[in-house]
């Protein structure tokens, strides 16, 4: 009987050792459980500071200085006069999708003597001439019924010309300031032109 008493604790000790040894943290992975419900939306973050107002959107508009232009007779009868203005930035994309304006100062560059009109023009009371502009790549041709060449008198420049090239990259709509491109005062203010 003494032997039986010794065997029972040994068997129990062996059983406990086997149970502990067979329990392990690693085993085959179980099936993926169902997705949980989405949590509540968090609070909105603080708004950033408002930036400074940008300048007027005229970055792509190209304009010339006031230019002296010389006309030449286009025919032997001098019934037509022709002049050329080089416009290196007048490219096909502006010709096809943009706008081109030519302005004529029928007065002088004196501060109180400017009389600026948009071409084409026919005004018998102003200069007794018709002036029509024609546009090609990098050039503006002016054809007139009279010699309206630029000239200098008492240090002032008379009969000067200026062009404005407006690329067609921005569609008109909300937020676009509408101006009358035939009104030189509006154009001058909008583009910040210096005379």
N, C-alpha and C. Protein backbone atom coordinates (compact mmCIF):
# COMPACT_ATOMS: atom_id res chain seq x y z
N UNK A 1 0.79 -1.16 0.00
CA UNK A 1 0.00 0.00 0.00
C UNK A 1 0.85 1.26 0.00
N UNK A 2 1.97 1.15 0.58
CA UNK A 2 2.88 2.26 0.60
C UNK A 2 3.25 2.64 -0.82
N UNK A 3 3.34 1.67 -1.67
CA UNK A 3 3.70 1.93 -3.03
C UNK A 3 2.57 2.63 -3.77
N UNK A 4 1.31 2.33 -3.47
CA UNK A 4 0.18 2.96 -4.12
C UNK A 4 0.13 4.44 -3.75
N UNK A 5 0.41 4.76 -2.51
CA UNK A 5 0.34 6.14 -2.07
C UNK A 5 1.40 6.97 -2.78
N UNK A 6 2.55 6.38 -3.04
CA UNK A 6 3.60 7.11 -3.70
C UNK A 6 3.29 7.28 -5.18
N UNK A 7 2.61 6.35 -5.80
CA UNK A 7 2.30 6.37 -7.21
C UNK A 7 1.22 7.40 -7.50
N UNK A 8 0.26 7.60 -6.69
CA UNK A 8 -0.84 8.55 -6.95
C UNK A 8 -0.28 9.98 -7.04
N UNK A 9 0.59 10.42 -6.09
CA UNK A 9 1.10 11.77 -6.25
C UNK A 9 1.98 11.90 -7.49
N UNK A 10 2.69 10.86 -7.85
CA UNK A 10 3.54 10.91 -9.04
C UNK A 10 2.68 11.02 -10.30
N UNK A 11 1.58 10.31 -10.33
CA UNK A 11 0.69 10.36 -11.49
C UNK A 11 0.05 11.73 -11.58
N UNK A 12 -0.37 12.26 -10.44
CA UNK A 12 -0.97 13.61 -10.44
C UNK A 12 0.05 14.66 -10.89
N UNK A 13 1.27 14.54 -10.44
CA UNK A 13 2.31 15.49 -10.81
C UNK A 13 2.61 15.39 -12.31
N UNK A 14 2.64 14.19 -12.81
CA UNK A 14 2.87 13.98 -14.22
C UNK A 14 1.71 14.53 -15.06
N UNK A 15 0.47 14.35 -14.60
CA UNK A 15 -0.71 14.84 -15.31
C UNK A 15 -0.72 16.37 -15.35
N UNK A 16 -0.38 17.00 -14.23
CA UNK A 16 -0.35 18.46 -14.17
C UNK A 16 0.75 18.99 -15.09
N UNK A 17 1.91 18.33 -15.11
CA UNK A 17 3.01 18.76 -15.99
C UNK A 17 2.61 18.64 -17.45
N UNK A 18 1.92 17.56 -17.80
CA UNK A 18 1.46 17.39 -19.18
C UNK A 18 0.40 18.43 -19.56
N UNK A 19 -0.48 18.73 -18.66
CA UNK A 19 -1.54 19.73 -18.94
C UNK A 19 -0.90 21.11 -19.15
N UNK A 20 0.04 21.47 -18.28
CA UNK A 20 0.69 22.79 -18.40
C UNK A 20 1.51 22.84 -19.69
N UNK A 21 2.20 21.77 -20.01
CA UNK A 21 3.03 21.76 -21.20
C UNK A 21 2.20 21.78 -22.48
N UNK A 22 1.03 21.19 -22.45
CA UNK A 22 0.19 21.18 -23.66
C UNK A 22 -0.51 22.50 -23.89
N UNK A 23 -0.64 23.35 -22.87
CA UNK A 23 -1.25 24.68 -23.04
C UNK A 23 -0.20 25.61 -23.61
N UNK A 24 -0.48 26.22 -24.72
CA UNK A 24 0.50 27.11 -25.35
C UNK A 24 -0.25 28.32 -25.90
N UNK A 25 0.46 29.44 -26.07
CA UNK A 25 -0.14 30.66 -26.61
C UNK A 25 -0.30 30.58 -28.12
N UNK A 26 0.49 29.79 -28.77
CA UNK A 26 0.43 29.69 -30.22
C UNK A 26 -0.47 28.57 -30.64
N UNK A 27 -1.23 28.85 -31.66
CA UNK A 27 -2.11 27.84 -32.21
C UNK A 27 -2.60 28.31 -33.56
N UNK A 28 -3.44 27.57 -34.20
CA UNK A 28 -3.93 28.01 -35.50
C UNK A 28 -4.81 29.26 -35.34
N UNK A 29 -4.74 30.18 -36.36
CA UNK A 29 -5.52 31.43 -36.32
C UNK A 29 -6.99 31.12 -36.49
N UNK A 30 -7.78 31.83 -35.76
CA UNK A 30 -9.23 31.67 -35.88
C UNK A 30 -9.77 32.48 -37.04
N UNK A 31 -11.04 32.32 -37.32
CA UNK A 31 -11.69 33.06 -38.41
C UNK A 31 -11.80 34.54 -38.03
N UNK A 32 -11.76 35.46 -39.08
CA UNK A 32 -11.88 36.90 -38.84
C UNK A 32 -13.31 37.21 -38.42
N UNK A 33 -13.41 38.01 -37.41
CA UNK A 33 -14.73 38.39 -36.91
C UNK A 33 -15.36 39.47 -37.77
N UNK A 34 -16.63 39.78 -37.57
CA UNK A 34 -17.31 40.82 -38.36
C UNK A 34 -16.75 42.21 -38.02
N UNK A 35 -16.82 43.16 -39.01
CA UNK A 35 -16.33 44.52 -38.80
C UNK A 35 -17.21 45.23 -37.78
N UNK A 36 -16.56 46.06 -37.01
CA UNK A 36 -17.30 46.83 -36.01
C UNK A 36 -17.98 48.03 -36.64
N UNK A 37 -18.87 48.68 -35.93
CA UNK A 37 -19.55 49.87 -36.45
C UNK A 37 -18.60 51.06 -36.39
N UNK A 38 -18.81 52.03 -37.34
CA UNK A 38 -17.95 53.21 -37.40
C UNK A 38 -18.24 54.10 -36.21
N UNK A 39 -17.17 54.67 -35.70
CA UNK A 39 -17.30 55.56 -34.56
C UNK A 39 -17.86 56.91 -34.97
N UNK A 40 -18.18 57.73 -34.01
CA UNK A 40 -18.75 59.06 -34.26
C UNK A 40 -17.68 59.97 -34.87
N UNK A 41 -18.12 60.93 -35.72
CA UNK A 41 -17.21 61.89 -36.34
C UNK A 41 -16.65 62.80 -35.27
N UNK A 42 -15.35 63.03 -35.36
CA UNK A 42 -14.69 63.91 -34.39
C UNK A 42 -15.03 65.37 -34.64
N UNK A 43 -14.71 66.21 -33.71
CA UNK A 43 -14.98 67.65 -33.82
C UNK A 43 -14.08 68.26 -34.89
N UNK A 44 -14.59 69.30 -35.60
CA UNK A 44 -13.81 69.98 -36.64
C UNK A 44 -12.65 70.72 -36.01
N UNK A 45 -11.54 70.76 -36.76
CA UNK A 45 -10.37 71.48 -36.29
C UNK A 45 -10.57 72.97 -36.41
N UNK A 46 -9.70 73.73 -35.83
CA UNK A 46 -9.79 75.19 -35.88
C UNK A 46 -9.50 75.69 -37.29
N UNK A 47 -10.19 76.75 -37.72
CA UNK A 47 -9.96 77.35 -39.04
C UNK A 47 -8.63 78.08 -39.05
N UNK A 48 -7.97 78.03 -40.22
CA UNK A 48 -6.72 78.78 -40.37
C UNK A 48 -7.00 80.25 -40.57
N UNK A 49 -5.96 81.05 -40.47
CA UNK A 49 -6.10 82.49 -40.66
C UNK A 49 -6.39 82.79 -42.12
N UNK A 50 -7.18 83.83 -42.39
CA UNK A 50 -7.49 84.26 -43.75
C UNK A 50 -6.28 84.97 -44.32
N UNK A 51 -5.90 84.58 -45.54
CA UNK A 51 -4.74 85.20 -46.20
C UNK A 51 -5.08 86.59 -46.71
N UNK A 52 -4.05 87.31 -47.10
CA UNK A 52 -4.23 88.65 -47.64
C UNK A 52 -4.90 88.56 -49.01
N UNK A 53 -5.64 89.59 -49.37
CA UNK A 53 -6.29 89.65 -50.67
C UNK A 53 -5.23 89.76 -51.75
N UNK A 54 -5.38 88.94 -52.77
CA UNK A 54 -4.42 88.95 -53.87
C UNK A 54 -4.63 90.15 -54.77
N UNK A 55 -3.65 90.40 -55.63
CA UNK A 55 -3.76 91.52 -56.55
C UNK A 55 -4.73 91.16 -57.68
N UNK A 56 -5.13 92.17 -58.43
CA UNK A 56 -6.06 91.98 -59.54
C UNK A 56 -5.50 90.96 -60.52
N UNK A 57 -6.34 90.10 -61.03
CA UNK A 57 -5.90 89.01 -61.89
C UNK A 57 -5.55 89.43 -63.29
N UNK A 58 -4.49 90.18 -63.44
CA UNK A 58 -4.08 90.64 -64.76
C UNK A 58 -2.69 90.13 -65.12
N UNK A 59 -2.26 89.07 -64.44
CA UNK A 59 -0.90 88.59 -64.62
C UNK A 59 -0.63 88.16 -66.05
N UNK A 60 -1.61 87.64 -66.75
CA UNK A 60 -1.37 87.13 -68.09
C UNK A 60 -1.61 88.16 -69.18
N UNK A 61 -2.15 89.31 -68.85
CA UNK A 61 -2.42 90.34 -69.84
C UNK A 61 -1.10 91.02 -70.20
N UNK A 62 -0.88 91.20 -71.49
CA UNK A 62 0.37 91.78 -71.99
C UNK A 62 0.03 93.12 -72.64
N UNK A 63 0.78 94.16 -72.31
CA UNK A 63 0.53 95.45 -72.95
C UNK A 63 1.85 96.13 -73.27
N UNK A 64 1.81 96.96 -74.28
CA UNK A 64 3.00 97.68 -74.71
C UNK A 64 3.06 99.05 -74.05
N UNK A 65 4.21 99.69 -74.19
CA UNK A 65 4.31 101.11 -73.85
C UNK A 65 3.61 101.89 -74.96
N UNK A 66 3.51 103.20 -74.80
CA UNK A 66 3.03 104.02 -75.91
C UNK A 66 4.15 104.03 -76.95
N UNK A 67 3.80 103.69 -78.19
CA UNK A 67 4.78 103.51 -79.24
C UNK A 67 4.66 104.59 -80.32
N UNK A 68 5.82 105.01 -80.85
CA UNK A 68 5.84 105.86 -82.03
C UNK A 68 5.74 104.96 -83.25
N UNK A 69 4.83 105.27 -84.15
CA UNK A 69 4.60 104.43 -85.33
C UNK A 69 4.71 105.30 -86.57
N UNK A 70 5.43 104.79 -87.58
CA UNK A 70 5.63 105.51 -88.84
C UNK A 70 4.84 104.83 -89.94
N UNK A 71 3.97 105.58 -90.62
CA UNK A 71 3.20 105.10 -91.76
C UNK A 71 3.96 105.36 -93.06
N UNK A 72 3.74 104.49 -94.01
CA UNK A 72 4.30 104.63 -95.37
C UNK A 72 3.14 104.55 -96.35
N UNK A 73 3.26 105.22 -97.50
CA UNK A 73 2.19 105.09 -98.51
C UNK A 73 2.07 103.64 -98.96
N UNK A 74 0.84 103.15 -99.03
CA UNK A 74 0.60 101.76 -99.45
C UNK A 74 0.44 101.66 -100.96
N UNK A 75 0.19 102.81 -101.62
CA UNK A 75 0.06 102.81 -103.08
C UNK A 75 0.59 104.13 -103.63
N UNK A 76 0.69 104.25 -104.93
CA UNK A 76 1.27 105.45 -105.54
C UNK A 76 0.35 106.66 -105.41
N UNK A 77 -0.93 106.43 -105.26
CA UNK A 77 -1.87 107.55 -105.14
C UNK A 77 -1.98 108.07 -103.70
N UNK A 78 -1.31 107.43 -102.78
CA UNK A 78 -1.35 107.75 -101.34
C UNK A 78 -2.78 107.86 -100.81
N UNK A 79 -3.63 106.95 -101.26
CA UNK A 79 -4.99 106.90 -100.70
C UNK A 79 -5.04 105.95 -99.52
N UNK A 80 -3.99 105.19 -99.36
CA UNK A 80 -3.91 104.28 -98.23
C UNK A 80 -2.51 104.34 -97.63
N UNK A 81 -2.45 104.29 -96.33
CA UNK A 81 -1.18 104.34 -95.61
C UNK A 81 -1.09 103.09 -94.73
N UNK A 82 0.12 102.56 -94.58
CA UNK A 82 0.29 101.31 -93.85
C UNK A 82 1.43 101.45 -92.85
N UNK A 83 1.25 100.81 -91.69
CA UNK A 83 2.29 100.80 -90.65
C UNK A 83 2.31 99.43 -89.98
N UNK A 84 3.44 99.08 -89.44
CA UNK A 84 3.60 97.79 -88.75
C UNK A 84 4.04 98.05 -87.31
N UNK A 85 3.45 97.30 -86.39
CA UNK A 85 3.88 97.32 -84.99
C UNK A 85 4.34 95.91 -84.65
N UNK A 86 5.57 95.78 -84.21
CA UNK A 86 6.07 94.47 -83.78
C UNK A 86 5.42 94.12 -82.44
N UNK A 87 4.86 92.93 -82.36
CA UNK A 87 4.23 92.44 -81.12
C UNK A 87 4.71 91.02 -80.88
N UNK A 88 5.93 90.85 -80.35
CA UNK A 88 6.54 89.52 -80.23
C UNK A 88 5.71 88.51 -79.44
N UNK A 89 4.89 88.97 -78.51
CA UNK A 89 4.10 88.03 -77.69
C UNK A 89 2.71 87.76 -78.25
N UNK A 90 2.43 88.27 -79.43
CA UNK A 90 1.16 87.98 -80.10
C UNK A 90 1.32 86.64 -80.81
N UNK A 91 0.87 85.59 -80.15
CA UNK A 91 1.05 84.22 -80.64
C UNK A 91 -0.29 83.63 -81.08
N UNK A 92 -0.20 82.46 -81.71
CA UNK A 92 -1.41 81.82 -82.26
C UNK A 92 -2.50 81.60 -81.22
N UNK A 93 -2.12 81.24 -79.98
CA UNK A 93 -3.15 80.99 -78.96
C UNK A 93 -3.94 82.25 -78.65
N UNK A 94 -3.31 83.42 -78.70
CA UNK A 94 -4.04 84.68 -78.47
C UNK A 94 -4.87 85.01 -79.71
N UNK A 95 -4.31 84.78 -80.90
CA UNK A 95 -5.07 85.04 -82.13
C UNK A 95 -6.33 84.17 -82.19
N UNK A 96 -6.23 82.91 -81.73
CA UNK A 96 -7.36 81.98 -81.83
C UNK A 96 -8.34 82.06 -80.68
N UNK A 97 -7.86 82.33 -79.46
CA UNK A 97 -8.74 82.26 -78.29
C UNK A 97 -8.76 83.52 -77.43
N UNK A 98 -7.90 84.47 -77.72
CA UNK A 98 -7.80 85.65 -76.88
C UNK A 98 -8.43 86.87 -77.52
N UNK A 99 -8.01 88.03 -77.04
CA UNK A 99 -8.51 89.30 -77.58
C UNK A 99 -7.32 90.25 -77.70
N UNK A 100 -7.42 91.15 -78.69
CA UNK A 100 -6.36 92.12 -78.94
C UNK A 100 -7.02 93.48 -79.07
N UNK A 101 -6.48 94.44 -78.36
CA UNK A 101 -6.99 95.81 -78.44
C UNK A 101 -5.82 96.73 -78.80
N UNK A 102 -6.09 97.68 -79.69
CA UNK A 102 -5.11 98.69 -80.05
C UNK A 102 -5.73 100.05 -79.74
N UNK A 103 -4.96 100.88 -79.05
CA UNK A 103 -5.42 102.21 -78.66
C UNK A 103 -4.57 103.26 -79.37
N UNK A 104 -5.20 104.37 -79.73
CA UNK A 104 -4.54 105.46 -80.44
C UNK A 104 -4.73 106.72 -79.62
N UNK A 105 -3.61 107.38 -79.30
CA UNK A 105 -3.67 108.65 -78.58
C UNK A 105 -3.63 109.76 -79.63
N UNK A 106 -4.80 110.31 -79.94
CA UNK A 106 -4.89 111.36 -80.95
C UNK A 106 -4.40 112.71 -80.43
N UNK A 107 -4.08 112.76 -79.14
CA UNK A 107 -3.50 113.96 -78.55
C UNK A 107 -2.00 113.78 -78.40
N UNK A 108 -1.50 114.11 -77.22
CA UNK A 108 -0.07 113.96 -76.97
C UNK A 108 0.13 113.27 -75.63
N UNK A 109 1.42 113.03 -75.29
CA UNK A 109 1.71 112.40 -74.00
C UNK A 109 1.75 113.41 -72.86
N UNK A 110 1.35 114.63 -73.12
CA UNK A 110 1.20 115.61 -72.05
C UNK A 110 0.02 115.17 -71.18
N UNK A 111 0.13 115.36 -69.89
CA UNK A 111 -0.89 114.86 -68.95
C UNK A 111 -2.29 115.38 -69.26
N UNK A 112 -2.41 116.60 -69.76
CA UNK A 112 -3.73 117.18 -70.00
C UNK A 112 -4.15 117.14 -71.47
N UNK A 113 -3.39 116.46 -72.30
CA UNK A 113 -3.66 116.51 -73.73
C UNK A 113 -3.90 115.14 -74.35
N UNK A 114 -4.25 114.16 -73.54
CA UNK A 114 -4.50 112.82 -74.08
C UNK A 114 -5.93 112.71 -74.61
N UNK A 115 -6.05 112.14 -75.81
CA UNK A 115 -7.34 111.84 -76.41
C UNK A 115 -7.21 110.41 -76.93
N UNK A 116 -7.52 109.42 -76.09
CA UNK A 116 -7.28 108.02 -76.42
C UNK A 116 -8.57 107.39 -76.93
N UNK A 117 -8.45 106.73 -78.10
CA UNK A 117 -9.58 106.04 -78.71
C UNK A 117 -9.16 104.62 -79.05
N UNK A 118 -10.14 103.74 -79.17
CA UNK A 118 -9.90 102.34 -79.53
C UNK A 118 -9.99 102.18 -81.04
N UNK A 119 -9.07 101.40 -81.61
CA UNK A 119 -9.12 101.10 -83.04
C UNK A 119 -9.95 99.85 -83.26
N UNK A 120 -10.65 99.72 -84.37
CA UNK A 120 -10.69 100.62 -85.52
C UNK A 120 -11.48 101.89 -85.22
N UNK A 121 -11.19 102.91 -86.02
CA UNK A 121 -11.85 104.19 -85.79
C UNK A 121 -12.18 104.87 -87.12
N UNK A 122 -13.31 105.51 -87.11
CA UNK A 122 -13.64 106.46 -88.16
C UNK A 122 -14.27 107.64 -87.44
N UNK A 123 -13.57 108.74 -87.42
CA UNK A 123 -14.08 109.94 -86.76
C UNK A 123 -13.62 111.15 -87.56
N UNK A 124 -14.45 111.64 -88.48
CA UNK A 124 -14.03 112.75 -89.33
C UNK A 124 -13.73 114.03 -88.56
N UNK A 125 -14.29 114.18 -87.38
CA UNK A 125 -14.05 115.40 -86.61
C UNK A 125 -12.74 115.34 -85.84
N UNK A 126 -12.26 114.12 -85.57
CA UNK A 126 -11.04 113.98 -84.78
C UNK A 126 -9.79 114.00 -85.64
N UNK A 127 -9.76 113.19 -86.71
CA UNK A 127 -8.53 113.11 -87.47
C UNK A 127 -8.73 112.88 -88.96
N UNK A 128 -9.94 112.94 -89.44
CA UNK A 128 -10.25 112.79 -90.85
C UNK A 128 -9.51 111.57 -91.44
N UNK A 129 -9.59 110.46 -90.76
CA UNK A 129 -8.96 109.23 -91.25
C UNK A 129 -9.68 108.03 -90.68
N UNK A 130 -9.59 106.96 -91.42
CA UNK A 130 -10.06 105.67 -90.93
C UNK A 130 -8.80 104.87 -90.61
N UNK A 131 -8.73 104.27 -89.44
CA UNK A 131 -7.59 103.42 -89.08
C UNK A 131 -8.13 102.06 -88.68
N UNK A 132 -7.66 101.02 -89.37
CA UNK A 132 -8.07 99.65 -89.07
C UNK A 132 -6.85 98.82 -88.70
N UNK A 133 -6.94 98.06 -87.59
CA UNK A 133 -5.84 97.16 -87.25
C UNK A 133 -6.09 95.75 -87.80
N UNK A 134 -5.02 95.08 -88.20
CA UNK A 134 -5.07 93.70 -88.66
C UNK A 134 -3.99 92.93 -87.91
N UNK A 135 -4.31 91.73 -87.47
CA UNK A 135 -3.43 90.99 -86.58
C UNK A 135 -2.92 89.71 -87.23
N UNK A 136 -1.62 89.50 -87.12
CA UNK A 136 -0.99 88.25 -87.52
C UNK A 136 0.00 87.88 -86.42
N UNK A 137 0.58 86.72 -86.52
CA UNK A 137 1.51 86.26 -85.50
C UNK A 137 2.67 87.25 -85.35
N UNK A 138 2.83 87.78 -84.16
CA UNK A 138 3.91 88.70 -83.76
C UNK A 138 3.88 90.05 -84.47
N UNK A 139 2.75 90.41 -85.05
CA UNK A 139 2.70 91.69 -85.76
C UNK A 139 1.28 92.25 -85.80
N UNK A 140 1.22 93.58 -85.75
CA UNK A 140 -0.05 94.30 -85.91
C UNK A 140 0.15 95.25 -87.08
N UNK A 141 -0.70 95.14 -88.08
CA UNK A 141 -0.64 96.01 -89.25
C UNK A 141 -1.76 97.04 -89.13
N UNK A 142 -1.41 98.30 -89.33
CA UNK A 142 -2.40 99.39 -89.31
C UNK A 142 -2.53 99.93 -90.72
N UNK A 143 -3.76 100.04 -91.19
CA UNK A 143 -4.02 100.62 -92.50
C UNK A 143 -4.95 101.82 -92.29
N UNK A 144 -4.55 102.95 -92.89
CA UNK A 144 -5.27 104.19 -92.68
C UNK A 144 -5.52 104.90 -94.00
N UNK A 145 -6.50 105.78 -93.99
CA UNK A 145 -6.78 106.59 -95.18
C UNK A 145 -5.95 107.87 -95.19
N UNK A 146 -5.17 108.08 -94.14
CA UNK A 146 -4.31 109.26 -94.07
C UNK A 146 -3.04 108.94 -93.30
N UNK A 147 -2.08 109.82 -93.39
CA UNK A 147 -0.81 109.63 -92.67
C UNK A 147 -1.00 110.07 -91.22
N UNK A 148 -1.16 109.10 -90.34
CA UNK A 148 -1.31 109.39 -88.91
C UNK A 148 -0.08 108.88 -88.15
N UNK A 149 1.08 109.18 -88.71
CA UNK A 149 2.35 108.79 -88.09
C UNK A 149 2.58 109.58 -86.81
N UNK A 150 3.31 108.99 -85.90
CA UNK A 150 3.68 109.67 -84.66
C UNK A 150 4.68 110.78 -84.98
N UNK A 151 4.63 111.83 -84.19
CA UNK A 151 5.60 112.92 -84.36
C UNK A 151 5.83 113.59 -83.01
N UNK A 152 6.92 114.36 -82.93
CA UNK A 152 7.26 115.07 -81.70
C UNK A 152 7.18 116.57 -81.97
N UNK A 153 6.54 117.28 -81.07
CA UNK A 153 6.41 118.73 -81.17
C UNK A 153 6.58 119.32 -79.77
N UNK A 154 7.56 120.20 -79.62
CA UNK A 154 7.86 120.84 -78.32
C UNK A 154 7.99 119.81 -77.21
N UNK A 155 8.77 118.79 -77.43
CA UNK A 155 9.11 117.70 -76.50
C UNK A 155 7.97 116.74 -76.19
N UNK A 156 6.80 116.96 -76.77
CA UNK A 156 5.69 116.05 -76.54
C UNK A 156 5.51 115.12 -77.74
N UNK A 157 5.19 113.88 -77.46
CA UNK A 157 4.94 112.87 -78.51
C UNK A 157 3.45 112.88 -78.86
N UNK A 158 3.16 112.97 -80.14
CA UNK A 158 1.78 113.00 -80.62
C UNK A 158 1.50 111.75 -81.46
N UNK A 159 0.22 111.35 -81.50
CA UNK A 159 -0.24 110.23 -82.32
C UNK A 159 0.53 108.93 -81.98
N UNK A 160 0.47 108.54 -80.74
CA UNK A 160 1.12 107.29 -80.34
C UNK A 160 0.11 106.16 -80.24
N UNK A 161 0.63 104.92 -80.23
CA UNK A 161 -0.20 103.72 -80.25
C UNK A 161 0.22 102.78 -79.12
N UNK A 162 -0.74 102.05 -78.60
CA UNK A 162 -0.48 101.04 -77.56
C UNK A 162 -1.39 99.85 -77.83
N UNK A 163 -0.85 98.64 -77.60
CA UNK A 163 -1.68 97.44 -77.76
C UNK A 163 -1.77 96.68 -76.45
N UNK A 164 -2.87 95.92 -76.31
CA UNK A 164 -3.11 95.07 -75.14
C UNK A 164 -3.49 93.69 -75.67
N UNK A 165 -2.76 92.66 -75.20
CA UNK A 165 -3.03 91.28 -75.59
C UNK A 165 -3.65 90.57 -74.40
N UNK A 166 -4.81 89.97 -74.61
CA UNK A 166 -5.54 89.30 -73.53
C UNK A 166 -5.65 87.82 -73.86
N UNK A 167 -4.83 86.97 -73.22
CA UNK A 167 -4.93 85.53 -73.50
C UNK A 167 -6.31 85.00 -73.14
N UNK A 168 -6.72 83.95 -73.82
CA UNK A 168 -8.05 83.38 -73.61
C UNK A 168 -8.06 82.24 -72.62
N UNK A 169 -7.25 82.28 -71.58
CA UNK A 169 -7.15 81.16 -70.64
C UNK A 169 -8.19 81.17 -69.54
N UNK A 170 -8.88 82.28 -69.29
CA UNK A 170 -9.83 82.36 -68.18
C UNK A 170 -11.21 82.63 -68.75
N UNK A 171 -12.16 81.74 -68.43
CA UNK A 171 -13.53 81.93 -68.90
C UNK A 171 -14.22 82.98 -68.04
N UNK A 172 -15.09 83.73 -68.65
CA UNK A 172 -15.85 84.73 -67.92
C UNK A 172 -16.81 84.02 -66.98
N UNK A 173 -17.13 84.64 -65.89
CA UNK A 173 -18.07 84.03 -64.95
C UNK A 173 -17.95 84.67 -63.59
N UNK A 174 -18.36 83.93 -62.58
CA UNK A 174 -18.33 84.44 -61.22
C UNK A 174 -16.93 84.81 -60.81
N UNK A 175 -16.77 85.95 -60.21
CA UNK A 175 -15.48 86.37 -59.70
C UNK A 175 -14.62 87.10 -60.72
N UNK A 176 -15.01 87.10 -62.00
CA UNK A 176 -14.23 87.79 -63.02
C UNK A 176 -14.80 89.18 -63.18
N UNK A 177 -13.94 90.18 -63.00
CA UNK A 177 -14.39 91.56 -63.13
C UNK A 177 -14.60 91.87 -64.61
N UNK A 178 -15.76 92.39 -64.94
CA UNK A 178 -16.06 92.73 -66.31
C UNK A 178 -15.75 94.20 -66.54
N UNK A 179 -14.95 94.47 -67.57
CA UNK A 179 -14.67 95.85 -67.93
C UNK A 179 -14.97 96.04 -69.40
N UNK A 180 -15.13 97.28 -69.80
CA UNK A 180 -15.34 97.62 -71.20
C UNK A 180 -13.96 97.87 -71.80
N UNK A 181 -13.47 96.92 -72.60
CA UNK A 181 -12.13 97.03 -73.18
C UNK A 181 -12.04 98.15 -74.22
N UNK A 182 -13.16 98.71 -74.63
CA UNK A 182 -13.14 99.84 -75.55
C UNK A 182 -13.06 101.17 -74.82
N UNK A 183 -13.19 101.17 -73.51
CA UNK A 183 -13.08 102.38 -72.69
C UNK A 183 -11.67 102.41 -72.10
N UNK A 184 -10.81 103.23 -72.68
CA UNK A 184 -9.39 103.23 -72.26
C UNK A 184 -9.23 103.58 -70.79
N UNK A 185 -10.07 104.46 -70.25
CA UNK A 185 -9.95 104.82 -68.83
C UNK A 185 -10.18 103.60 -67.93
N UNK A 186 -11.17 102.76 -68.27
CA UNK A 186 -11.41 101.53 -67.50
C UNK A 186 -10.24 100.57 -67.63
N UNK A 187 -9.74 100.40 -68.85
CA UNK A 187 -8.62 99.49 -69.10
C UNK A 187 -7.39 99.96 -68.33
N UNK A 188 -7.12 101.25 -68.39
CA UNK A 188 -5.96 101.83 -67.71
C UNK A 188 -6.05 101.61 -66.20
N UNK A 189 -7.22 101.82 -65.63
CA UNK A 189 -7.40 101.61 -64.18
C UNK A 189 -7.29 100.13 -63.83
N UNK A 190 -7.92 99.26 -64.61
CA UNK A 190 -7.94 97.82 -64.33
C UNK A 190 -6.55 97.21 -64.40
N UNK A 191 -5.76 97.60 -65.42
CA UNK A 191 -4.43 97.04 -65.60
C UNK A 191 -3.34 97.83 -64.88
N UNK A 192 -3.68 98.99 -64.36
CA UNK A 192 -2.68 99.81 -63.69
C UNK A 192 -1.66 100.36 -64.68
N UNK A 193 -2.11 100.75 -65.88
CA UNK A 193 -1.21 101.24 -66.92
C UNK A 193 -0.65 102.60 -66.57
N UNK A 194 0.59 102.79 -66.92
CA UNK A 194 1.25 104.09 -66.71
C UNK A 194 1.37 104.78 -68.06
N UNK A 195 1.07 106.08 -68.10
CA UNK A 195 1.21 106.84 -69.35
C UNK A 195 2.48 107.66 -69.32
